[in-house]
Every structure is written in structure tokens, then in C-alpha cells.
C-alpha atoms as a PDB file:
ATOM      1  CA  MET A   1     115.318 126.331  98.295  1.00  0.00           C
ATOM      2  CA  SER A   2     115.586 122.471  97.432  1.00  0.00           C
ATOM      3  CA  ASP A   3     112.551 120.180  97.401  1.00  0.00           C
ATOM      4  CA  THR A   4     113.818 117.494 100.055  1.00  0.00           C
ATOM      5  CA  SER A   5     110.621 115.215  99.856  1.00  0.00           C
ATOM      6  CA  ALA A   6     111.996 113.844  96.373  1.00  0.00           C
ATOM      7  CA  PRO A   7     113.698 110.599  96.479  1.00  0.00           C
ATOM      8  CA  PRO A   8     117.540 110.580  95.568  1.00  0.00           C
ATOM      9  CA  ALA A   9     118.313 109.328  91.902  1.00  0.00           C
ATOM     10  CA  THR A  10     119.037 105.483  92.190  1.00  0.00           C
ATOM     11  CA  ARG A  11     118.724 105.070  88.644  1.00  0.00           C
ATOM     12  CA  ILE A  12     119.461 106.620  85.540  1.00  0.00           C
ATOM     13  CA  GLU A  13     116.529 109.229  84.627  1.00  0.00           C
ATOM     14  CA  PRO A  14     115.195 109.958  81.350  1.00  0.00           C
ATOM     15  CA  PRO A  15     115.877 113.904  80.494  1.00  0.00           C
ATOM     16  CA  VAL A  16     112.381 115.467  79.706  1.00  0.00           C
ATOM     17  CA  THR A  17     112.227 116.843  75.709  1.00  0.00           C
ATOM     18  CA  GLU A  18     109.806 119.309  74.520  1.00  0.00           C
ATOM     19  CA  GLU A  19     108.078 116.506  72.134  1.00  0.00           C
ATOM     20  CA  ALA A  20     107.630 114.347  75.742  1.00  0.00           C
ATOM     21  CA  GLU A  21     106.751 117.308  78.324  1.00  0.00           C
ATOM     22  CA  GLY A  22     102.809 115.984  78.010  1.00  0.00           C
ATOM     23  CA  PHE A  23     103.877 112.168  78.857  1.00  0.00           C
ATOM     24  CA  TRP A  24     106.075 113.233  81.976  1.00  0.00           C
ATOM     25  CA  ASP A  25     103.423 115.712  83.115  1.00  0.00           C
ATOM     26  CA  ALA A  26     101.072 112.840  82.875  1.00  0.00           C
ATOM     27  CA  THR A  27     103.306 110.330  85.114  1.00  0.00           C
ATOM     28  CA  ARG A  28     103.247 112.884  87.883  1.00  0.00           C
ATOM     29  CA  ARG A  29      99.735 111.567  88.451  1.00  0.00           C
ATOM     30  CA  ARG A  30     100.347 107.961  87.323  1.00  0.00           C
ATOM     31  CA  GLU A  31      98.931 108.165  84.479  1.00  0.00           C
ATOM     32  CA  LEU A  32      99.952 106.611  81.208  1.00  0.00           C
ATOM     33  CA  VAL A  33      99.692 108.320  78.023  1.00  0.00           C
ATOM     34  CA  LEU A  34     100.647 108.053  74.408  1.00  0.00           C
ATOM     35  CA  PRO A  35     101.141 110.113  71.570  1.00  0.00           C
ATOM     36  CA  TRP A  36      97.855 109.996  69.194  1.00  0.00           C
ATOM     37  CA  CYS A  37      97.854 111.365  65.913  1.00  0.00           C
ATOM     38  CA  GLY A  38      94.244 113.327  65.119  1.00  0.00           C
ATOM     39  CA  HIS A  39      94.306 112.315  61.386  1.00  0.00           C
ATOM     40  CA  CYS A  40      95.349 108.808  61.236  1.00  0.00           C
ATOM     41  CA  ARG A  41      93.801 108.280  64.641  1.00  0.00           C
ATOM     42  CA  ARG A  42      96.416 106.150  65.817  1.00  0.00           C
ATOM     43  CA  ALA A  43      98.933 105.612  68.943  1.00  0.00           C
ATOM     44  CA  PHE A  44     102.637 105.664  68.015  1.00  0.00           C
ATOM     45  CA  TRP A  45     105.722 105.894  70.450  1.00  0.00           C
ATOM     46  CA  TYR A  46     107.869 107.485  70.910  1.00  0.00           C
ATOM     47  CA  PRO A  47     106.905 111.457  71.201  1.00  0.00           C
ATOM     48  CA  ARG A  48     107.558 113.557  68.494  1.00  0.00           C
ATOM     49  CA  PRO A  49     106.128 116.493  66.934  1.00  0.00           C
ATOM     50  CA  VAL A  50     104.841 115.038  63.676  1.00  0.00           C
ATOM     51  CA  CYS A  51     103.294 111.519  63.098  1.00  0.00           C
ATOM     52  CA  PRO A  52     105.398 109.320  61.831  1.00  0.00           C
ATOM     53  CA  SER A  53     102.847 107.546  59.464  1.00  0.00           C
ATOM     54  CA  CYS A  54     101.134 110.844  57.832  1.00  0.00           C
ATOM     55  CA  LEU A  55     103.762 113.156  58.711  1.00  0.00           C
ATOM     56  CA  ARG A  56     101.257 115.594  60.054  1.00  0.00           C
ATOM     57  CA  PRO A  57     101.882 117.672  63.135  1.00  0.00           C
ATOM     58  CA  ASP A  58      98.224 116.821  64.669  1.00  0.00           C
ATOM     59  CA  VAL A  59      99.633 115.496  67.456  1.00  0.00           C
ATOM     60  CA  GLY A  60      98.080 115.059  70.811  1.00  0.00           C
ATOM     61  CA  TRP A  61      98.114 112.606  74.027  1.00  0.00           C
ATOM     62  CA  LYS A  62      94.979 110.161  75.238  1.00  0.00           C
ATOM     63  CA  PRO A  63      95.562 107.437  77.966  1.00  0.00           C
ATOM     64  CA  ALA A  64      96.358 104.263  77.697  1.00  0.00           C
ATOM     65  CA  SER A  65      95.422 100.992  79.562  1.00  0.00           C
ATOM     66  CA  GLY A  66      98.847 100.244  80.824  1.00  0.00           C
ATOM     67  CA  ARG A  67      98.425  96.727  79.530  1.00  0.00           C
ATOM     68  CA  GLY A  68     100.420  94.517  76.945  1.00  0.00           C
ATOM     69  CA  GLN A  69     102.558  91.368  76.507  1.00  0.00           C
ATOM     70  CA  VAL A  70     106.320  90.826  76.703  1.00  0.00           C
ATOM     71  CA  HIS A  71     107.415  90.663  73.191  1.00  0.00           C
ATOM     72  CA  ALA A  72     111.246  90.078  73.914  1.00  0.00           C
ATOM     73  CA  VAL A  73     113.135  90.159  77.165  1.00  0.00           C
ATOM     74  CA  SER A  74     116.743  90.439  77.912  1.00  0.00           C
ATOM     75  CA  VAL A  75     118.150  89.717  81.553  1.00  0.00           C
ATOM     76  CA  MET A  76     121.147  92.354  82.797  1.00  0.00           C
ATOM     77  CA  TYR A  77     123.408  90.576  84.833  1.00  0.00           C
ATOM     78  CA  ARG A  78     125.669  93.481  84.801  1.00  0.00           C
ATOM     79  CA  PRO A  79     124.389  97.105  85.010  1.00  0.00           C
ATOM     80  CA  ALA A  80     124.266  98.996  81.872  1.00  0.00           C
ATOM     81  CA  ASN A  81     124.951 101.993  84.207  1.00  0.00           C
ATOM     82  CA  PRO A  82     126.529 102.342  87.706  1.00  0.00           C
ATOM     83  CA  THR A  83     123.314 103.437  88.998  1.00  0.00           C
ATOM     84  CA  MET A  84     121.693 100.270  88.451  1.00  0.00           C
ATOM     85  CA  ALA A  85     124.408  98.460  90.100  1.00  0.00           C
ATOM     86  CA  GLY A  86     122.211  97.673  92.888  1.00  0.00           C
ATOM     87  CA  ARG A  87     119.301  95.881  90.877  1.00  0.00           C
ATOM     88  CA  VAL A  88     121.179  93.280  88.971  1.00  0.00           C
ATOM     89  CA  PRO A  89     119.537  91.041  87.598  1.00  0.00           C
ATOM     90  CA  TYR A  90     116.968  93.100  86.176  1.00  0.00           C
ATOM     91  CA  ALA A  91     115.329  92.380  83.246  1.00  0.00           C
ATOM     92  CA  VAL A  92     114.734  94.698  80.033  1.00  0.00           C
ATOM     93  CA  ALA A  93     111.955  94.264  77.859  1.00  0.00           C
ATOM     94  CA  LEU A  94     110.189  95.555  74.961  1.00  0.00           C
ATOM     95  CA  VAL A  95     106.461  95.802  75.537  1.00  0.00           C
ATOM     96  CA  ASP A  96     103.505  95.522  73.147  1.00  0.00           C
ATOM     97  CA  LEU A  97     100.548  97.481  74.813  1.00  0.00           C
ATOM     98  CA  ASP A  98      97.139  96.762  74.148  1.00  0.00           C
ATOM     99  CA  GLU A  99      97.304 100.527  71.994  1.00  0.00           C
ATOM    100  CA  GLY A 100      99.423  99.197  69.424  1.00  0.00           C
ATOM    101  CA  VAL A 101     102.732 100.632  70.144  1.00  0.00           C
ATOM    102  CA  ARG A 102     106.074  99.312  71.479  1.00  0.00           C
ATOM    103  CA  VAL A 103     107.747 100.406  74.393  1.00  0.00           C
ATOM    104  CA  MET A 104     111.112  99.425  76.392  1.00  0.00           C
ATOM    105  CA  SER A 105     110.966  99.056  80.070  1.00  0.00           C
ATOM    106  CA  ASN A 106     111.747  96.837  82.924  1.00  0.00           C
ATOM    107  CA  VAL A 107     109.658  94.076  84.276  1.00  0.00           C
ATOM    108  CA  VAL A 108     109.615  94.075  87.910  1.00  0.00           C
ATOM    109  CA  GLY A 109     107.775  92.503  90.435  1.00  0.00           C
ATOM    110  CA  ILE A 110     109.312  88.719  89.470  1.00  0.00           C
ATOM    111  CA  GLU A 111     112.623  87.123  89.207  1.00  0.00           C
ATOM    112  CA  ALA A 112     114.433  88.439  86.425  1.00  0.00           C
ATOM    113  CA  SER A 113     114.907  84.798  84.634  1.00  0.00           C
ATOM    114  CA  GLU A 114     110.894  84.673  85.345  1.00  0.00           C
ATOM    115  CA  VAL A 115     110.046  87.194  82.457  1.00  0.00           C
ATOM    116  CA  LYS A 116     108.975  85.000  79.527  1.00  0.00           C
ATOM    117  CA  VAL A 117     107.904  86.473  75.788  1.00  0.00           C
ATOM    118  CA  GLY A 118     103.934  86.072  75.622  1.00  0.00           C
ATOM    119  CA  MET A 119     103.821  87.179  79.381  1.00  0.00           C
ATOM    120  CA  ASP A 120     101.421  89.629  80.161  1.00  0.00           C
ATOM    121  CA  VAL A 121     102.176  92.806  81.956  1.00  0.00           C
ATOM    122  CA  ALA A 122     101.050  95.992  83.264  1.00  0.00           C
ATOM    123  CA  VAL A 123     102.043  99.229  84.192  1.00  0.00           C
ATOM    124  CA  THR A 124     103.466  99.930  87.558  1.00  0.00           C
ATOM    125  CA  TRP A 125     105.364 102.996  88.835  1.00  0.00           C
ATOM    126  CA  GLU A 126     108.458 104.099  90.393  1.00  0.00           C
ATOM    127  CA  ALA A 127     109.290 107.538  91.917  1.00  0.00           C
ATOM    128  CA  MET A 128     111.749 109.356  90.510  1.00  0.00           C
ATOM    129  CA  SER A 129     113.733 112.400  92.373  1.00  0.00           C
ATOM    130  CA  ASP A 130     112.044 115.305  90.695  1.00  0.00           C
ATOM    131  CA  GLY A 131     108.494 114.082  91.165  1.00  0.00           C
ATOM    132  CA  ARG A 132     108.062 112.508  87.699  1.00  0.00           C
ATOM    133  CA  ASN A 133     106.850 108.733  88.139  1.00  0.00           C
ATOM    134  CA  LEU A 134     108.996 106.137  85.438  1.00  0.00           C
ATOM    135  CA  PRO A 135     106.615 103.533  84.199  1.00  0.00           C
ATOM    136  CA  LEU A 136     107.548  99.955  84.462  1.00  0.00           C
ATOM    137  CA  PHE A 137     105.999  96.745  83.736  1.00  0.00           C
ATOM    138  CA  ALA A 138     104.930  93.682  86.141  1.00  0.00           C
ATOM    139  CA  PRO A 139     102.929  90.460  85.633  1.00  0.00           C
ATOM    140  CA  ASP A 140      99.447  91.381  85.110  1.00  0.00           C
ATOM    141  CA  ALA A 141      97.497  90.336  88.168  1.00  0.00           C
ATOM    142  CA  ARG A 142      94.429  89.403  86.329  1.00  0.00           C
ATOM    143  CA  THR A 143      96.315  86.730  84.451  1.00  0.00           C
ATOM    144  CA  PRO A 144      95.424  83.309  86.057  1.00  0.00           C
END
């Protein structure tokens, strides 16, 4: 029997890898977590089995603030994938999180052409078809 309560897929939905299971499990609760090295005591991105700095396997998950700044942005006027056709134009951005890692995501809640480098953003969530939530970013409501 299939779960009919989940919305149908309307975008590219990232696969779940073994290294990223903790991340995706947290998104089901709409919690943003990052992999942290227990030895270096630093966050890193993307999820992997060893720390990219010291190469130790002492990796765990810690909550992230979900806040950051746009480092770079590109406005997509043609969809990169057919599932995104109904979303054009949309902003693809590199976001520098307050924890010191850079992630790629979409910026929503604002016209794509209005997304600017240096803009303060905060995480927001989009439900996916399997119960996970995709972290997106929107202008930070705390910014004047």
C-alpha cells in the first residue's frame, strides 16, 4: 500500500545516500543539521564519512542556525530539469551559512532577479514526495 498523503514530486528530489541519512532524517522534522568533525570541531559540507580537513572518521550531526548570506546567485530562465519548468525564473544561490560552510540551494519568497550577493537569508522548507523536506532559503525576516 502506498502513502497517498505525500505530495507528488514537482521538482528534482535528491537521493538519500548512506552518508547523508542523518541530514535527510532531520529534514523530516524541518531541522537543518550539518556534519561536524569531533576532532577538528568544525562543520563541513557535503556529508561524507570522514572529515575533509583531518581525514578522521569522527563525524556527527549538529543543529545549524539556518541563517547565512548569499555568496553568489544565478537566475535560471530555462529549467535545468523538466520538473522545474513551472518555476522559471528561479534563483540558484551559494549560501554561506553562519557555521562557516557553503551550500547550494534556491532562494524563494522574492523575485529571482531581486536576489543579491550579500543578502541575509534564512532556511525555509519545501515538502518532498517522500516526507523529507528540502531546505531552501528566503530573505531573512530579521534583516531591516
